[in-house]
């Protein structure tokens, strides 16, 4: 998907604001949207160092075959 890069700094500010005020719900919604649009199955792993979360992706095809 092509996007307008001039909007990126503003988009980042909005996402940061949302995450600061409602972290869990924002992450859940973003992951839901990612699962709907991309052929990956993201897994959120907690880390001890910033940013404290790591997204790893597995193919939906391989996840469906194994599960």
N, C-alpha and C. Protein backbone atom coordinates (compact mmCIF):
# COMPACT_ATOMS: atom_id res chain seq x y z
N UNK A 1 0.86 -1.18 0.00
CA UNK A 1 0.00 0.00 0.00
C UNK A 1 0.89 1.23 0.00
N UNK A 2 0.64 2.10 -0.92
CA UNK A 2 1.39 3.34 -1.01
C UNK A 2 0.72 4.38 -0.13
N UNK A 3 1.52 5.18 0.57
CA UNK A 3 0.95 6.20 1.43
C UNK A 3 1.71 7.50 1.28
N UNK A 4 1.10 8.57 1.73
CA UNK A 4 1.70 9.89 1.66
C UNK A 4 2.66 10.05 2.83
N UNK A 5 3.95 10.14 2.55
CA UNK A 5 4.96 10.20 3.62
C UNK A 5 4.93 11.52 4.38
N UNK A 6 4.28 12.54 3.85
CA UNK A 6 4.19 13.80 4.59
C UNK A 6 3.29 13.66 5.81
N UNK A 7 2.42 12.66 5.83
CA UNK A 7 1.53 12.45 6.97
C UNK A 7 2.16 11.61 8.07
N UNK A 8 3.27 10.94 7.77
CA UNK A 8 3.88 10.01 8.72
C UNK A 8 4.20 10.63 10.09
N UNK A 9 4.84 11.81 10.17
CA UNK A 9 5.13 12.39 11.49
C UNK A 9 3.86 12.65 12.32
N UNK A 10 2.79 13.07 11.66
CA UNK A 10 1.54 13.33 12.36
C UNK A 10 0.87 12.04 12.80
N UNK A 11 0.96 11.03 11.95
CA UNK A 11 0.40 9.73 12.30
C UNK A 11 1.12 9.14 13.50
N UNK A 12 2.43 9.27 13.54
CA UNK A 12 3.21 8.78 14.67
C UNK A 12 2.80 9.47 15.96
N UNK A 13 2.59 10.79 15.90
CA UNK A 13 2.18 11.54 17.10
C UNK A 13 0.83 11.07 17.61
N UNK A 14 -0.11 10.82 16.70
CA UNK A 14 -1.43 10.36 17.10
C UNK A 14 -1.35 8.97 17.74
N UNK A 15 -0.57 8.08 17.14
CA UNK A 15 -0.43 6.72 17.67
C UNK A 15 0.24 6.75 19.05
N UNK A 16 1.26 7.57 19.21
CA UNK A 16 1.93 7.69 20.50
C UNK A 16 0.96 8.20 21.56
N UNK A 17 0.16 9.20 21.21
CA UNK A 17 -0.83 9.74 22.14
C UNK A 17 -1.82 8.65 22.55
N UNK A 18 -2.33 7.89 21.58
CA UNK A 18 -3.29 6.83 21.88
C UNK A 18 -2.67 5.75 22.76
N UNK A 19 -1.43 5.37 22.46
CA UNK A 19 -0.76 4.33 23.23
C UNK A 19 -0.48 4.77 24.66
N UNK A 20 -0.16 6.03 24.85
CA UNK A 20 0.10 6.51 26.21
C UNK A 20 -1.17 6.51 27.05
N UNK A 21 -2.30 6.78 26.44
CA UNK A 21 -3.55 6.88 27.18
C UNK A 21 -4.29 5.56 27.31
N UNK A 22 -4.10 4.66 26.38
CA UNK A 22 -4.82 3.40 26.42
C UNK A 22 -4.01 2.33 25.70
N UNK A 23 -2.92 1.92 26.32
CA UNK A 23 -1.93 1.05 25.67
C UNK A 23 -2.51 -0.28 25.21
N UNK A 24 -3.14 -1.01 26.10
CA UNK A 24 -3.60 -2.36 25.79
C UNK A 24 -4.65 -2.35 24.68
N UNK A 25 -5.64 -1.49 24.82
CA UNK A 25 -6.71 -1.45 23.82
C UNK A 25 -6.18 -1.01 22.46
N UNK A 26 -5.26 -0.06 22.44
CA UNK A 26 -4.67 0.40 21.17
C UNK A 26 -3.88 -0.72 20.52
N UNK A 27 -3.06 -1.43 21.30
CA UNK A 27 -2.28 -2.54 20.76
C UNK A 27 -3.19 -3.65 20.21
N UNK A 28 -4.25 -3.96 20.96
CA UNK A 28 -5.17 -5.00 20.50
C UNK A 28 -5.82 -4.61 19.18
N UNK A 29 -6.22 -3.34 19.06
CA UNK A 29 -6.86 -2.88 17.83
C UNK A 29 -5.88 -2.88 16.67
N UNK A 30 -4.65 -2.41 16.91
CA UNK A 30 -3.64 -2.40 15.85
C UNK A 30 -3.31 -3.82 15.38
N UNK A 31 -3.18 -4.75 16.32
CA UNK A 31 -2.91 -6.14 15.96
C UNK A 31 -4.07 -6.76 15.19
N UNK A 32 -5.29 -6.43 15.60
CA UNK A 32 -6.47 -6.92 14.87
C UNK A 32 -6.45 -6.43 13.43
N UNK A 33 -6.17 -5.13 13.25
CA UNK A 33 -6.12 -4.56 11.90
C UNK A 33 -4.98 -5.19 11.09
N UNK A 34 -3.84 -5.42 11.72
CA UNK A 34 -2.72 -6.05 11.03
C UNK A 34 -3.08 -7.45 10.56
N UNK A 35 -3.77 -8.20 11.39
CA UNK A 35 -4.17 -9.55 11.03
C UNK A 35 -5.18 -9.56 9.89
N UNK A 36 -5.99 -8.50 9.78
CA UNK A 36 -6.99 -8.43 8.72
C UNK A 36 -6.39 -8.07 7.37
N UNK A 37 -5.26 -7.36 7.37
CA UNK A 37 -4.73 -6.83 6.11
C UNK A 37 -3.47 -7.52 5.62
N UNK A 38 -2.69 -8.10 6.48
CA UNK A 38 -1.41 -8.70 6.08
C UNK A 38 -1.45 -10.21 6.22
N UNK A 39 -0.74 -10.91 5.35
CA UNK A 39 -0.72 -12.38 5.43
C UNK A 39 0.25 -12.90 6.49
N UNK A 40 0.23 -12.29 7.66
CA UNK A 40 1.10 -12.72 8.76
C UNK A 40 0.27 -12.89 10.02
N UNK A 41 0.80 -13.62 10.94
CA UNK A 41 0.17 -13.83 12.23
C UNK A 41 1.09 -13.24 13.29
N UNK A 42 0.90 -11.97 13.69
CA UNK A 42 1.83 -11.35 14.62
C UNK A 42 1.70 -11.92 16.04
N UNK A 43 2.82 -12.06 16.68
CA UNK A 43 2.88 -12.51 18.06
C UNK A 43 3.60 -11.43 18.85
N UNK A 44 2.99 -10.96 19.95
CA UNK A 44 3.61 -9.94 20.77
C UNK A 44 4.33 -10.63 21.91
N UNK A 45 5.62 -10.36 22.04
CA UNK A 45 6.42 -10.93 23.11
C UNK A 45 6.90 -9.81 24.02
N UNK A 46 6.80 -10.02 25.33
CA UNK A 46 7.28 -9.04 26.30
C UNK A 46 8.80 -9.12 26.39
N UNK A 47 9.46 -7.95 26.44
CA UNK A 47 10.92 -7.87 26.57
C UNK A 47 11.25 -7.02 27.79
N UNK A 48 12.44 -7.20 28.34
CA UNK A 48 12.87 -6.42 29.49
C UNK A 48 13.46 -5.07 29.12
N UNK A 49 13.83 -4.89 27.86
CA UNK A 49 14.42 -3.63 27.42
C UNK A 49 13.43 -2.87 26.53
N UNK A 50 13.55 -1.55 26.47
CA UNK A 50 12.64 -0.75 25.63
C UNK A 50 12.69 -1.22 24.19
N UNK A 51 11.61 -1.24 23.50
CA UNK A 51 10.27 -0.72 23.80
C UNK A 51 9.39 -1.69 24.59
N UNK A 52 9.96 -2.72 25.17
CA UNK A 52 9.32 -3.68 26.07
C UNK A 52 8.41 -4.69 25.37
N UNK A 53 8.21 -4.54 24.07
CA UNK A 53 7.44 -5.51 23.31
C UNK A 53 8.15 -5.78 22.00
N UNK A 54 8.07 -7.01 21.53
CA UNK A 54 8.66 -7.37 20.25
C UNK A 54 7.58 -8.07 19.44
N UNK A 55 7.39 -7.63 18.22
CA UNK A 55 6.45 -8.27 17.32
C UNK A 55 7.20 -9.27 16.46
N UNK A 56 6.75 -10.50 16.47
CA UNK A 56 7.30 -11.49 15.57
C UNK A 56 6.15 -11.98 14.70
N UNK A 57 6.45 -12.31 13.48
CA UNK A 57 5.39 -12.69 12.55
C UNK A 57 5.64 -14.08 12.01
N UNK A 58 4.57 -14.84 11.92
CA UNK A 58 4.62 -16.13 11.26
C UNK A 58 3.60 -16.11 10.14
N UNK A 59 3.83 -16.86 9.12
CA UNK A 59 2.92 -16.91 7.99
C UNK A 59 1.59 -17.51 8.43
N UNK A 60 0.48 -16.94 7.98
CA UNK A 60 -0.83 -17.50 8.31
C UNK A 60 -0.98 -18.91 7.75
N UNK A 61 -0.38 -19.16 6.60
CA UNK A 61 -0.46 -20.49 5.99
C UNK A 61 0.24 -21.52 6.87
N UNK A 62 1.44 -21.20 7.39
CA UNK A 62 2.15 -22.15 8.24
C UNK A 62 1.48 -22.28 9.60
N UNK A 63 0.89 -21.19 10.11
CA UNK A 63 0.18 -21.25 11.38
C UNK A 63 -1.07 -22.11 11.26
N UNK A 64 -1.78 -22.02 10.13
CA UNK A 64 -2.98 -22.82 9.92
C UNK A 64 -2.62 -24.30 9.76
N UNK A 65 -1.51 -24.58 9.11
CA UNK A 65 -1.09 -25.97 8.91
C UNK A 65 -0.67 -26.62 10.22
N UNK A 66 -0.03 -25.83 11.12
CA UNK A 66 0.45 -26.40 12.37
C UNK A 66 -0.62 -26.40 13.45
N UNK A 67 -1.67 -25.57 13.33
CA UNK A 67 -2.65 -25.45 14.39
C UNK A 67 -3.95 -25.95 13.96
